[in-house]
C-alpha atoms as a PDB file:
ATOM      1  CA  MET A   1      -0.019  -0.002  -0.115  1.00  0.00           C
ATOM      2  CA  LYS A   2       2.863   2.268   0.819  1.00  0.00           C
ATOM      3  CA  CYS A   3       4.325   1.720  -2.638  1.00  0.00           C
ATOM      4  CA  LEU A   4       1.007   2.401  -4.241  1.00  0.00           C
ATOM      5  CA  SER A   5       0.528   5.546  -2.238  1.00  0.00           C
ATOM      6  CA  LEU A   6       4.190   6.671  -3.114  1.00  0.00           C
ATOM      7  CA  ALA A   7       3.436   5.951  -6.825  1.00  0.00           C
ATOM      8  CA  TRP A   8       0.238   7.836  -6.778  1.00  0.00           C
ATOM      9  CA  THR A   9       1.950  10.854  -5.160  1.00  0.00           C
ATOM     10  CA  LEU A  10       4.758  10.985  -7.632  1.00  0.00           C
ATOM     11  CA  SER A  11       2.272  10.499 -10.498  1.00  0.00           C
ATOM     12  CA  ALA A  12       0.050  13.342  -9.161  1.00  0.00           C
ATOM     13  CA  GLY A  13       3.039  15.464  -8.796  1.00  0.00           C
ATOM     14  CA  LEU A  14       4.094  14.911 -12.245  1.00  0.00           C
ATOM     15  CA  ALA A  15       0.715  15.684 -13.564  1.00  0.00           C
ATOM     16  CA  LEU A  16       0.355  18.845 -11.647  1.00  0.00           C
ATOM     17  CA  SER A  17       3.955  19.944 -12.764  1.00  0.00           C
ATOM     18  CA  THR A  18       2.859  19.219 -16.318  1.00  0.00           C
ATOM     19  CA  ILE A  19      -0.467  21.256 -16.050  1.00  0.00           C
ATOM     20  CA  GLY A  20       1.547  24.050 -14.447  1.00  0.00           C
ATOM     21  CA  GLY A  21       4.012  23.931 -17.160  1.00  0.00           C
ATOM     22  CA  VAL A  22       1.264  24.120 -19.776  1.00  0.00           C
ATOM     23  CA  ALA A  23      -0.492  26.976 -18.068  1.00  0.00           C
ATOM     24  CA  GLN A  24       2.897  28.856 -17.777  1.00  0.00           C
ATOM     25  CA  ALA A  25       3.482  28.253 -21.395  1.00  0.00           C
ATOM     26  CA  GLN A  26       0.138  29.659 -22.344  1.00  0.00           C
ATOM     27  CA  GLU A  27       0.603  32.822 -20.483  1.00  0.00           C
ATOM     28  CA  LYS A  28       1.159  35.795 -22.717  1.00  0.00           C
ATOM     29  CA  TYR A  29       3.419  38.712 -21.939  1.00  0.00           C
ATOM     30  CA  VAL A  30       2.810  42.266 -23.536  1.00  0.00           C
ATOM     31  CA  THR A  31       5.107  45.184 -23.278  1.00  0.00           C
ATOM     32  CA  ILE A  32       3.806  48.791 -23.871  1.00  0.00           C
ATOM     33  CA  GLY A  33       6.263  51.438 -25.039  1.00  0.00           C
ATOM     34  CA  THR A  34       5.660  54.645 -22.926  1.00  0.00           C
ATOM     35  CA  GLY A  35       7.899  57.517 -22.370  1.00  0.00           C
ATOM     36  CA  GLY A  36      10.099  59.300 -19.732  1.00  0.00           C
ATOM     37  CA  GLN A  37       9.013  58.682 -16.104  1.00  0.00           C
ATOM     38  CA  THR A  38       8.009  62.281 -15.527  1.00  0.00           C
ATOM     39  CA  GLY A  39       5.568  62.181 -18.488  1.00  0.00           C
ATOM     40  CA  VAL A  40       1.907  61.069 -18.887  1.00  0.00           C
ATOM     41  CA  TYR A  41       2.848  58.333 -21.336  1.00  0.00           C
ATOM     42  CA  TYR A  42       4.600  56.374 -18.664  1.00  0.00           C
ATOM     43  CA  VAL A  43       1.578  56.901 -16.202  1.00  0.00           C
ATOM     44  CA  ALA A  44      -0.841  55.832 -18.973  1.00  0.00           C
ATOM     45  CA  GLY A  45       1.193  52.687 -19.815  1.00  0.00           C
ATOM     46  CA  GLN A  46       1.551  51.784 -16.063  1.00  0.00           C
ATOM     47  CA  SER A  47      -2.211  52.342 -15.607  1.00  0.00           C
ATOM     48  CA  ILE A  48      -3.127  50.061 -18.528  1.00  0.00           C
ATOM     49  CA  CYS A  49      -0.944  47.278 -17.130  1.00  0.00           C
ATOM     50  CA  ARG A  50      -2.398  47.683 -13.701  1.00  0.00           C
ATOM     51  CA  PHE A  51      -5.876  46.716 -14.945  1.00  0.00           C
ATOM     52  CA  VAL A  52      -4.530  44.066 -17.329  1.00  0.00           C
ATOM     53  CA  ASN A  53      -2.613  42.430 -14.539  1.00  0.00           C
ATOM     54  CA  ARG A  54      -5.409  42.458 -12.208  1.00  0.00           C
ATOM     55  CA  ASP A  55      -7.363  40.225 -14.422  1.00  0.00           C
ATOM     56  CA  SER A  56      -4.328  38.044 -15.642  1.00  0.00           C
ATOM     57  CA  ALA A  57      -5.484  34.826 -13.775  1.00  0.00           C
ATOM     58  CA  LYS A  58      -8.529  34.864 -16.325  1.00  0.00           C
ATOM     59  CA  SER A  59      -7.042  36.332 -19.328  1.00  0.00           C
ATOM     60  CA  GLY A  60      -3.505  34.641 -19.035  1.00  0.00           C
ATOM     61  CA  ILE A  61      -1.953  38.000 -20.087  1.00  0.00           C
ATOM     62  CA  ARG A  62       0.795  39.782 -18.159  1.00  0.00           C
ATOM     63  CA  CYS A  63       1.692  43.429 -19.033  1.00  0.00           C
ATOM     64  CA  ASN A  64       4.600  45.645 -18.270  1.00  0.00           C
ATOM     65  CA  ALA A  65       5.153  49.285 -19.438  1.00  0.00           C
ATOM     66  CA  PRO A  66       8.900  50.320 -19.080  1.00  0.00           C
ATOM     67  CA  ALA A  67      10.074  53.895 -19.649  1.00  0.00           C
ATOM     68  CA  SER A  68      11.050  54.539 -23.357  1.00  0.00           C
ATOM     69  CA  GLY A  69      12.355  57.267 -25.537  1.00  0.00           C
ATOM     70  CA  GLY A  70       8.759  58.374 -26.377  1.00  0.00           C
ATOM     71  CA  GLY A  71       6.459  58.340 -29.303  1.00  0.00           C
ATOM     72  CA  VAL A  72       8.948  58.006 -32.322  1.00  0.00           C
ATOM     73  CA  ALA A  73      10.875  55.388 -30.380  1.00  0.00           C
ATOM     74  CA  ASN A  74       7.771  53.526 -29.657  1.00  0.00           C
ATOM     75  CA  VAL A  75       6.799  53.414 -33.480  1.00  0.00           C
ATOM     76  CA  ASN A  76      10.218  51.969 -34.114  1.00  0.00           C
ATOM     77  CA  GLY A  77       9.813  49.501 -31.180  1.00  0.00           C
ATOM     78  CA  LEU A  78       6.555  48.218 -32.748  1.00  0.00           C
ATOM     79  CA  ARG A  79       8.404  47.761 -35.928  1.00  0.00           C
ATOM     80  CA  SER A  80      11.274  45.757 -34.398  1.00  0.00           C
ATOM     81  CA  GLY A  81       8.928  43.732 -32.036  1.00  0.00           C
ATOM     82  CA  GLU A  82      10.544  45.353 -28.966  1.00  0.00           C
ATOM     83  CA  PHE A  83       6.949  46.499 -27.935  1.00  0.00           C
ATOM     84  CA  ASN A  84       3.633  44.941 -28.502  1.00  0.00           C
ATOM     85  CA  PHE A  85       1.923  48.180 -27.983  1.00  0.00           C
ATOM     86  CA  GLY A  86       3.146  51.744 -28.053  1.00  0.00           C
ATOM     87  CA  ILE A  87       1.829  55.180 -27.009  1.00  0.00           C
ATOM     88  CA  MET A  88       2.457  57.991 -29.471  1.00  0.00           C
ATOM     89  CA  GLN A  89       1.185  61.346 -30.610  1.00  0.00           C
ATOM     90  CA  SER A  90      -1.709  61.161 -33.162  1.00  0.00           C
ATOM     91  CA  ASP A  91       0.553  62.994 -35.709  1.00  0.00           C
ATOM     92  CA  HIS A  92       3.283  60.273 -35.302  1.00  0.00           C
ATOM     93  CA  GLN A  93       0.694  57.596 -36.029  1.00  0.00           C
ATOM     94  CA  PHE A  94      -0.217  59.304 -39.162  1.00  0.00           C
ATOM     95  CA  LYS A  95       3.393  59.980 -40.316  1.00  0.00           C
ATOM     96  CA  ALA A  96       4.473  56.483 -39.570  1.00  0.00           C
ATOM     97  CA  MET A  97       1.487  55.051 -41.657  1.00  0.00           C
ATOM     98  CA  LYS A  98       2.647  57.279 -44.485  1.00  0.00           C
ATOM     99  CA  GLY A  99       6.413  57.011 -44.216  1.00  0.00           C
ATOM    100  CA  LEU A 100       6.685  60.723 -43.609  1.00  0.00           C
ATOM    101  CA  PRO A 101       9.592  62.263 -41.564  1.00  0.00           C
ATOM    102  CA  PRO A 102      10.830  61.107 -39.128  1.00  0.00           C
ATOM    103  CA  PHE A 103      10.010  57.782 -40.520  1.00  0.00           C
ATOM    104  CA  GLU A 104      10.990  58.262 -44.139  1.00  0.00           C
ATOM    105  CA  GLN A 105      14.105  56.012 -43.864  1.00  0.00           C
ATOM    106  CA  GLN A 106      12.093  53.005 -42.658  1.00  0.00           C
ATOM    107  CA  GLY A 107       9.207  53.650 -45.016  1.00  0.00           C
ATOM    108  CA  ALA A 108       5.483  53.414 -44.606  1.00  0.00           C
ATOM    109  CA  MET A 109       4.275  51.178 -41.700  1.00  0.00           C
ATOM    110  CA  ASP A 110       1.006  50.112 -43.373  1.00  0.00           C
ATOM    111  CA  ASP A 111       0.246  47.563 -40.791  1.00  0.00           C
ATOM    112  CA  LEU A 112       0.095  50.132 -37.966  1.00  0.00           C
ATOM    113  CA  ARG A 113      -3.239  49.985 -36.231  1.00  0.00           C
ATOM    114  CA  ALA A 114      -5.040  52.080 -33.520  1.00  0.00           C
ATOM    115  CA  VAL A 115      -6.518  50.783 -30.423  1.00  0.00           C
ATOM    116  CA  MET A 116      -7.764  53.847 -28.562  1.00  0.00           C
ATOM    117  CA  SER A 117      -6.914  57.533 -27.948  1.00  0.00           C
ATOM    118  CA  LEU A 118      -6.016  58.710 -24.488  1.00  0.00           C
ATOM    119  CA  GLN A 119      -5.324  62.120 -23.157  1.00  0.00           C
ATOM    120  CA  SER A 120      -5.066  65.413 -24.945  1.00  0.00           C
ATOM    121  CA  GLU A 121      -1.594  66.772 -25.350  1.00  0.00           C
ATOM    122  CA  VAL A 122      -0.127  70.187 -25.927  1.00  0.00           C
ATOM    123  CA  PHE A 123       3.196  71.438 -27.427  1.00  0.00           C
ATOM    124  CA  THR A 124       4.481  73.246 -24.362  1.00  0.00           C
ATOM    125  CA  VAL A 125       7.498  75.607 -24.038  1.00  0.00           C
ATOM    126  CA  LEU A 126       8.475  76.900 -20.577  1.00  0.00           C
ATOM    127  CA  ALA A 127      10.957  79.711 -20.169  1.00  0.00           C
ATOM    128  CA  ARG A 128      12.902  81.295 -17.327  1.00  0.00           C
ATOM    129  CA  ARG A 129      11.051  84.778 -16.801  1.00  0.00           C
ATOM    130  CA  ASP A 130      14.473  86.484 -16.838  1.00  0.00           C
ATOM    131  CA  ALA A 131      15.206  85.133 -20.298  1.00  0.00           C
ATOM    132  CA  GLY A 132      12.676  87.569 -21.902  1.00  0.00           C
ATOM    133  CA  ILE A 133      10.908  84.997 -24.051  1.00  0.00           C
ATOM    134  CA  ASN A 134       7.352  86.063 -24.617  1.00  0.00           C
ATOM    135  CA  GLY A 135       6.627  84.299 -27.902  1.00  0.00           C
ATOM    136  CA  LEU A 136       8.073  81.736 -30.542  1.00  0.00           C
ATOM    137  CA  ASP A 137      10.435  84.300 -32.223  1.00  0.00           C
ATOM    138  CA  ASP A 138      11.997  85.161 -28.959  1.00  0.00           C
ATOM    139  CA  LEU A 139      13.598  81.723 -28.769  1.00  0.00           C
ATOM    140  CA  LYS A 140      16.250  82.674 -31.286  1.00  0.00           C
ATOM    141  CA  GLY A 141      19.544  83.335 -29.782  1.00  0.00           C
ATOM    142  CA  LYS A 142      18.550  81.468 -26.538  1.00  0.00           C
ATOM    143  CA  ARG A 143      19.719  78.270 -24.889  1.00  0.00           C
ATOM    144  CA  VAL A 144      16.727  75.918 -25.697  1.00  0.00           C
ATOM    145  CA  ASN A 145      16.071  72.256 -24.915  1.00  0.00           C
ATOM    146  CA  ILE A 146      14.649  70.984 -28.267  1.00  0.00           C
ATOM    147  CA  GLY A 147      14.240  67.428 -26.911  1.00  0.00           C
ATOM    148  CA  ASN A 148      15.987  64.099 -27.246  1.00  0.00           C
ATOM    149  CA  PRO A 149      16.059  62.400 -30.657  1.00  0.00           C
ATOM    150  CA  GLY A 150      13.218  59.849 -30.866  1.00  0.00           C
ATOM    151  CA  SER A 151      10.820  61.762 -28.701  1.00  0.00           C
ATOM    152  CA  GLY A 152       7.536  63.463 -29.752  1.00  0.00           C
ATOM    153  CA  GLN A 153       8.605  66.876 -28.428  1.00  0.00           C
ATOM    154  CA  ARG A 154      11.666  66.694 -30.746  1.00  0.00           C
ATOM    155  CA  ASP A 155       9.733  65.816 -33.811  1.00  0.00           C
ATOM    156  CA  THR A 156       7.254  68.583 -33.180  1.00  0.00           C
ATOM    157  CA  PHE A 157       9.927  71.044 -32.456  1.00  0.00           C
ATOM    158  CA  ASP A 158      11.668  70.048 -35.692  1.00  0.00           C
ATOM    159  CA  GLU A 159       8.432  70.589 -37.603  1.00  0.00           C
ATOM    160  CA  VAL A 160       7.954  74.034 -35.979  1.00  0.00           C
ATOM    161  CA  MET A 161      11.649  74.949 -36.829  1.00  0.00           C
ATOM    162  CA  ARG A 162      11.063  74.001 -40.472  1.00  0.00           C
ATOM    163  CA  LEU A 163       8.029  76.186 -40.614  1.00  0.00           C
ATOM    164  CA  GLN A 164      10.010  79.165 -39.120  1.00  0.00           C
ATOM    165  CA  GLY A 165      12.885  78.515 -41.482  1.00  0.00           C
ATOM    166  CA  TRP A 166      15.162  77.707 -38.603  1.00  0.00           C
ATOM    167  CA  ASP A 167      17.865  75.128 -37.895  1.00  0.00           C
ATOM    168  CA  LYS A 168      19.730  74.406 -34.614  1.00  0.00           C
ATOM    169  CA  SER A 169      22.169  77.260 -35.448  1.00  0.00           C
ATOM    170  CA  VAL A 170      19.483  80.023 -34.582  1.00  0.00           C
ATOM    171  CA  PHE A 171      19.907  79.075 -30.905  1.00  0.00           C
ATOM    172  CA  LYS A 172      22.717  79.923 -28.640  1.00  0.00           C
ATOM    173  CA  LEU A 173      22.502  76.301 -27.438  1.00  0.00           C
ATOM    174  CA  ALA A 174      20.164  73.539 -28.757  1.00  0.00           C
ATOM    175  CA  SER A 175      20.360  70.907 -26.008  1.00  0.00           C
ATOM    176  CA  GLU A 176      18.907  67.450 -26.382  1.00  0.00           C
ATOM    177  CA  LEU A 177      18.039  66.603 -22.757  1.00  0.00           C
ATOM    178  CA  LYS A 178      15.505  63.832 -21.940  1.00  0.00           C
ATOM    179  CA  PRO A 179      12.280  65.027 -20.293  1.00  0.00           C
ATOM    180  CA  ALA A 180      13.319  64.109 -16.799  1.00  0.00           C
ATOM    181  CA  GLU A 181      16.423  66.184 -17.121  1.00  0.00           C
ATOM    182  CA  GLN A 182      14.799  69.431 -18.236  1.00  0.00           C
ATOM    183  CA  ALA A 183      13.429  70.872 -15.023  1.00  0.00           C
ATOM    184  CA  SER A 184      16.801  70.921 -13.120  1.00  0.00           C
ATOM    185  CA  ALA A 185      18.549  72.349 -16.252  1.00  0.00           C
ATOM    186  CA  LEU A 186      16.178  75.222 -16.240  1.00  0.00           C
ATOM    187  CA  SER A 187      16.342  75.694 -12.503  1.00  0.00           C
ATOM    188  CA  ASP A 188      20.151  75.549 -12.547  1.00  0.00           C
ATOM    189  CA  ASN A 189      20.198  78.275 -15.354  1.00  0.00           C
ATOM    190  CA  ASN A 190      21.830  75.765 -17.871  1.00  0.00           C
ATOM    191  CA  ILE A 191      19.033  76.336 -20.331  1.00  0.00           C
ATOM    192  CA  ASP A 192      16.614  79.397 -20.912  1.00  0.00           C
ATOM    193  CA  ALA A 193      13.546  77.282 -22.114  1.00  0.00           C
ATOM    194  CA  MET A 194      12.529  73.692 -22.211  1.00  0.00           C
ATOM    195  CA  SER A 195       9.919  72.016 -24.508  1.00  0.00           C
ATOM    196  CA  TYR A 196       7.414  69.183 -24.033  1.00  0.00           C
ATOM    197  CA  PHE A 197       4.509  67.625 -25.893  1.00  0.00           C
ATOM    198  CA  VAL A 198       2.592  66.464 -23.029  1.00  0.00           C
ATOM    199  CA  GLY A 199      -0.731  66.293 -21.113  1.00  0.00           C
ATOM    200  CA  HIS A 200      -1.392  68.703 -18.213  1.00  0.00           C
ATOM    201  CA  PRO A 201      -0.725  69.093 -15.471  1.00  0.00           C
ATOM    202  CA  ASN A 202       2.697  67.659 -15.840  1.00  0.00           C
ATOM    203  CA  GLY A 203       5.210  66.807 -13.089  1.00  0.00           C
ATOM    204  CA  ALA A 204       8.325  68.141 -14.768  1.00  0.00           C
ATOM    205  CA  ILE A 205       6.717  71.511 -15.451  1.00  0.00           C
ATOM    206  CA  GLN A 206       5.220  71.699 -11.923  1.00  0.00           C
ATOM    207  CA  GLU A 207       8.865  70.982 -10.696  1.00  0.00           C
ATOM    208  CA  ALA A 208      10.359  73.658 -12.821  1.00  0.00           C
ATOM    209  CA  THR A 209       7.885  76.322 -11.848  1.00  0.00           C
ATOM    210  CA  THR A 210       8.183  75.811  -8.309  1.00  0.00           C
ATOM    211  CA  THR A 211      12.031  75.976  -8.278  1.00  0.00           C
ATOM    212  CA  VAL A 212      12.459  78.946 -10.639  1.00  0.00           C
ATOM    213  CA  ASP A 213      10.325  81.848 -11.880  1.00  0.00           C
ATOM    214  CA  ALA A 214       9.222  80.447 -15.162  1.00  0.00           C
ATOM    215  CA  VAL A 215       6.474  81.304 -17.867  1.00  0.00           C
ATOM    216  CA  LEU A 216       4.632  79.294 -20.394  1.00  0.00           C
ATOM    217  CA  VAL A 217       5.346  80.704 -23.763  1.00  0.00           C
ATOM    218  CA  PRO A 218       2.343  81.040 -26.394  1.00  0.00           C
ATOM    219  CA  ILE A 219       3.077  79.028 -29.577  1.00  0.00           C
ATOM    220  CA  THR A 220       1.086  81.303 -32.084  1.00  0.00           C
ATOM    221  CA  GLY A 221       1.625  83.184 -35.290  1.00  0.00           C
ATOM    222  CA  PRO A 222       1.247  83.059 -38.919  1.00  0.00           C
ATOM    223  CA  GLN A 223       3.328  80.005 -39.411  1.00  0.00           C
ATOM    224  CA  ILE A 224       1.432  78.068 -36.644  1.00  0.00           C
ATOM    225  CA  ASP A 225      -1.831  79.110 -38.374  1.00  0.00           C
ATOM    226  CA  LYS A 226      -0.486  77.667 -41.589  1.00  0.00           C
ATOM    227  CA  LEU A 227       0.566  74.372 -39.802  1.00  0.00           C
ATOM    228  CA  LEU A 228      -2.883  74.100 -38.406  1.00  0.00           C
ATOM    229  CA  SER A 229      -4.445  74.713 -41.711  1.00  0.00           C
ATOM    230  CA  GLU A 230      -2.314  72.068 -43.596  1.00  0.00           C
ATOM    231  CA  LYS A 231      -2.054  69.329 -40.819  1.00  0.00           C
ATOM    232  CA  SER A 232      -5.340  67.847 -39.722  1.00  0.00           C
ATOM    233  CA  TYR A 233      -3.684  66.007 -36.878  1.00  0.00           C
ATOM    234  CA  TYR A 234      -2.801  69.169 -35.047  1.00  0.00           C
ATOM    235  CA  THR A 235      -5.532  71.304 -33.430  1.00  0.00           C
ATOM    236  CA  LYS A 236      -5.604  74.615 -31.526  1.00  0.00           C
ATOM    237  CA  ALA A 237      -4.983  73.933 -27.850  1.00  0.00           C
ATOM    238  CA  GLU A 238      -4.871  75.721 -24.543  1.00  0.00           C
ATOM    239  CA  ILE A 239      -2.976  75.210 -21.215  1.00  0.00           C
ATOM    240  CA  PRO A 240      -5.530  76.267 -18.585  1.00  0.00           C
ATOM    241  CA  GLY A 241      -4.524  79.137 -16.313  1.00  0.00           C
ATOM    242  CA  GLY A 242      -3.619  78.307 -12.617  1.00  0.00           C
ATOM    243  CA  LEU A 243      -2.104  74.906 -13.200  1.00  0.00           C
ATOM    244  CA  TYR A 244       1.420  76.066 -12.461  1.00  0.00           C
ATOM    245  CA  LYS A 245       2.918  78.664 -10.225  1.00  0.00           C
ATOM    246  CA  GLY A 246       3.255  82.063 -11.858  1.00  0.00           C
ATOM    247  CA  ASN A 247       1.038  81.160 -14.716  1.00  0.00           C
ATOM    248  CA  ASP A 248      -2.466  82.382 -13.903  1.00  0.00           C
ATOM    249  CA  LYS A 249      -3.700  82.921 -17.552  1.00  0.00           C
ATOM    250  CA  PRO A 250      -4.346  80.381 -20.186  1.00  0.00           C
ATOM    251  CA  THR A 251      -1.601  79.809 -22.713  1.00  0.00           C
ATOM    252  CA  GLN A 252      -2.441  79.120 -26.510  1.00  0.00           C
ATOM    253  CA  SER A 253      -0.521  76.455 -28.449  1.00  0.00           C
ATOM    254  CA  ILE A 254      -1.076  73.465 -30.644  1.00  0.00           C
ATOM    255  CA  GLY A 255      -1.885  69.851 -29.610  1.00  0.00           C
ATOM    256  CA  GLY A 256      -3.207  66.514 -30.475  1.00  0.00           C
ATOM    257  CA  LYS A 257      -4.062  63.133 -28.866  1.00  0.00           C
ATOM    258  CA  ALA A 258      -2.030  60.432 -27.378  1.00  0.00           C
ATOM    259  CA  VAL A 259      -2.933  57.159 -29.081  1.00  0.00           C
ATOM    260  CA  LEU A 260      -2.412  53.563 -28.118  1.00  0.00           C
ATOM    261  CA  SER A 261      -1.079  51.591 -31.231  1.00  0.00           C
ATOM    262  CA  VAL A 262      -0.154  48.210 -32.279  1.00  0.00           C
ATOM    263  CA  SER A 263       0.751  46.165 -35.305  1.00  0.00           C
ATOM    264  CA  ALA A 264      -1.995  44.549 -37.366  1.00  0.00           C
ATOM    265  CA  LYS A 265      -0.191  41.219 -36.664  1.00  0.00           C
ATOM    266  CA  THR A 266      -0.891  41.551 -32.886  1.00  0.00           C
ATOM    267  CA  ASP A 267      -3.167  38.844 -31.630  1.00  0.00           C
ATOM    268  CA  PRO A 268      -6.671  40.107 -31.734  1.00  0.00           C
ATOM    269  CA  ASP A 269      -7.534  38.221 -28.470  1.00  0.00           C
ATOM    270  CA  VAL A 270      -4.776  40.017 -26.717  1.00  0.00           C
ATOM    271  CA  VAL A 271      -5.771  43.442 -28.118  1.00  0.00           C
ATOM    272  CA  TYR A 272      -9.460  42.680 -27.090  1.00  0.00           C
ATOM    273  CA  GLN A 273      -8.384  41.924 -23.528  1.00  0.00           C
ATOM    274  CA  VAL A 274      -6.307  44.984 -23.187  1.00  0.00           C
ATOM    275  CA  VAL A 275      -9.117  47.189 -24.337  1.00  0.00           C
ATOM    276  CA  LYS A 276     -11.648  45.437 -22.251  1.00  0.00           C
ATOM    277  CA  SER A 277      -9.432  45.936 -19.067  1.00  0.00           C
ATOM    278  CA  VAL A 278      -9.361  49.602 -19.647  1.00  0.00           C
ATOM    279  CA  PHE A 279     -12.913  50.377 -20.430  1.00  0.00           C
ATOM    280  CA  GLU A 280     -14.292  48.165 -17.712  1.00  0.00           C
ATOM    281  CA  ASN A 281     -12.153  50.156 -15.235  1.00  0.00           C
ATOM    282  CA  LEU A 282     -12.432  53.526 -16.913  1.00  0.00           C
ATOM    283  CA  ASP A 283     -13.824  55.266 -13.833  1.00  0.00           C
ATOM    284  CA  ARG A 284     -10.724  54.081 -11.798  1.00  0.00           C
ATOM    285  CA  PHE A 285      -8.450  54.953 -14.817  1.00  0.00           C
ATOM    286  CA  ARG A 286      -9.665  58.613 -14.929  1.00  0.00           C
ATOM    287  CA  LYS A 287      -8.642  58.927 -11.288  1.00  0.00           C
ATOM    288  CA  LEU A 288      -4.979  57.948 -11.925  1.00  0.00           C
ATOM    289  CA  HIS A 289      -3.831  61.307 -13.478  1.00  0.00           C
ATOM    290  CA  PRO A 290      -5.512  64.644 -13.790  1.00  0.00           C
ATOM    291  CA  SER A 291      -5.091  64.572 -17.674  1.00  0.00           C
ATOM    292  CA  PHE A 292      -7.223  61.419 -17.841  1.00  0.00           C
ATOM    293  CA  ALA A 293     -10.213  63.030 -15.915  1.00  0.00           C
ATOM    294  CA  ASP A 294     -12.053  64.097 -19.047  1.00  0.00           C
ATOM    295  CA  LEU A 295     -11.645  60.803 -21.017  1.00  0.00           C
ATOM    296  CA  LYS A 296     -14.893  59.732 -22.746  1.00  0.00           C
ATOM    297  CA  GLU A 297     -15.635  56.492 -24.347  1.00  0.00           C
ATOM    298  CA  GLU A 298     -17.083  58.043 -27.478  1.00  0.00           C
ATOM    299  CA  ASP A 299     -13.897  60.139 -27.974  1.00  0.00           C
ATOM    300  CA  MET A 300     -11.500  57.258 -27.173  1.00  0.00           C
ATOM    301  CA  ILE A 301     -12.723  55.119 -29.984  1.00  0.00           C
ATOM    302  CA  LYS A 302     -12.416  57.740 -32.814  1.00  0.00           C
ATOM    303  CA  VAL A 303     -10.939  61.187 -31.924  1.00  0.00           C
ATOM    304  CA  GLY A 304      -7.162  61.256 -32.918  1.00  0.00           C
ATOM    305  CA  LEU A 305      -7.055  57.897 -34.471  1.00  0.00           C
ATOM    306  CA  THR A 306      -5.125  58.400 -37.693  1.00  0.00           C
ATOM    307  CA  ALA A 307      -4.724  54.626 -38.524  1.00  0.00           C
ATOM    308  CA  PRO A 308      -7.421  52.050 -38.917  1.00  0.00           C
ATOM    309  CA  LEU A 309      -8.671  50.279 -35.732  1.00  0.00           C
ATOM    310  CA  HIS A 310      -7.158  46.962 -34.912  1.00  0.00           C
ATOM    311  CA  GLU A 311      -9.711  44.134 -35.219  1.00  0.00           C
ATOM    312  CA  GLY A 312      -9.424  43.198 -31.609  1.00  0.00           C
ATOM    313  CA  ALA A 313     -10.370  46.691 -30.483  1.00  0.00           C
ATOM    314  CA  ALA A 314     -13.103  46.951 -33.087  1.00  0.00           C
ATOM    315  CA  ARG A 315     -14.770  43.673 -31.842  1.00  0.00           C
ATOM    316  CA  TYR A 316     -14.902  44.912 -28.208  1.00  0.00           C
ATOM    317  CA  TYR A 317     -16.406  48.398 -29.462  1.00  0.00           C
ATOM    318  CA  LYS A 318     -19.025  46.502 -31.453  1.00  0.00           C
ATOM    319  CA  GLU A 319     -19.934  44.257 -28.584  1.00  0.00           C
ATOM    320  CA  ARG A 320     -20.479  47.419 -26.461  1.00  0.00           C
ATOM    321  CA  GLY A 321     -22.675  48.937 -29.262  1.00  0.00           C
ATOM    322  CA  TRP A 322     -20.370  51.723 -29.939  1.00  0.00           C
ATOM    323  CA  LEU A 323     -19.539  50.655 -33.485  1.00  0.00           C
ATOM    324  CA  LYS A 324     -21.725  49.165 -36.165  1.00  0.00           C
END
């Protein structure tokens, strides 16, 4: 009897081990490309993963959202397979689909697909008050952080410079600091102005405005009006007054939407589960950052989506009756 009992125990142990191995093998891991840790992309990616992982026992999906170089880097990460999902500006989704700069060397990414749009974003320039920068033209001859290569802020800044007929030589210094490095550089008087394409309120800008007297710079003028008329993925935008110390009045600029994107090759069931985890927890999601507070289902499934919907996302939206 002891031998039989021992044999049964070993057999059961092997069976459980095999079942566990199969379950482990079936578990799927997804990685979301986000942005710098001071930005809203990082918060968005971490928040999405939080809800996906809460339901991983049922869905079999585990999610992580590391910091990355930002929107342009996330497009490239989707191409290479480094990321399964990537957060990017709506204009970058469009440019990647068409193979436009900064993606001209890689060519058109026809299999790029939209999942949902997230927070609104604004092209933001913050300057030391003592630098005397009151508008776009005043940036000439100053020390300006134009953003790290591969970031959304850098691509937008490059587009603005082309419109103005500028190159980096118009600045006394054109630094390429990452978002997390900008606030301290401004406070330490190593730069006169910093730029960011980001949702508001933003931690880096809050840090900068509490450590140095700094002002938000309006991004307006004839060339900006031309940009808005020619590029439908940009819209007029406003940073509300009172969000940051010393900036009580609204500031005019341009903006767009942050968009969660994937490749068409991504498993529809995985995309479906990720979408479901967000929308079934949307009230909680809205509370995780002030820039998520105004998110609405009807906007998230269409506004700012400059690529076709992925079939997994479309399936969920049809089930909810939001799409026909």
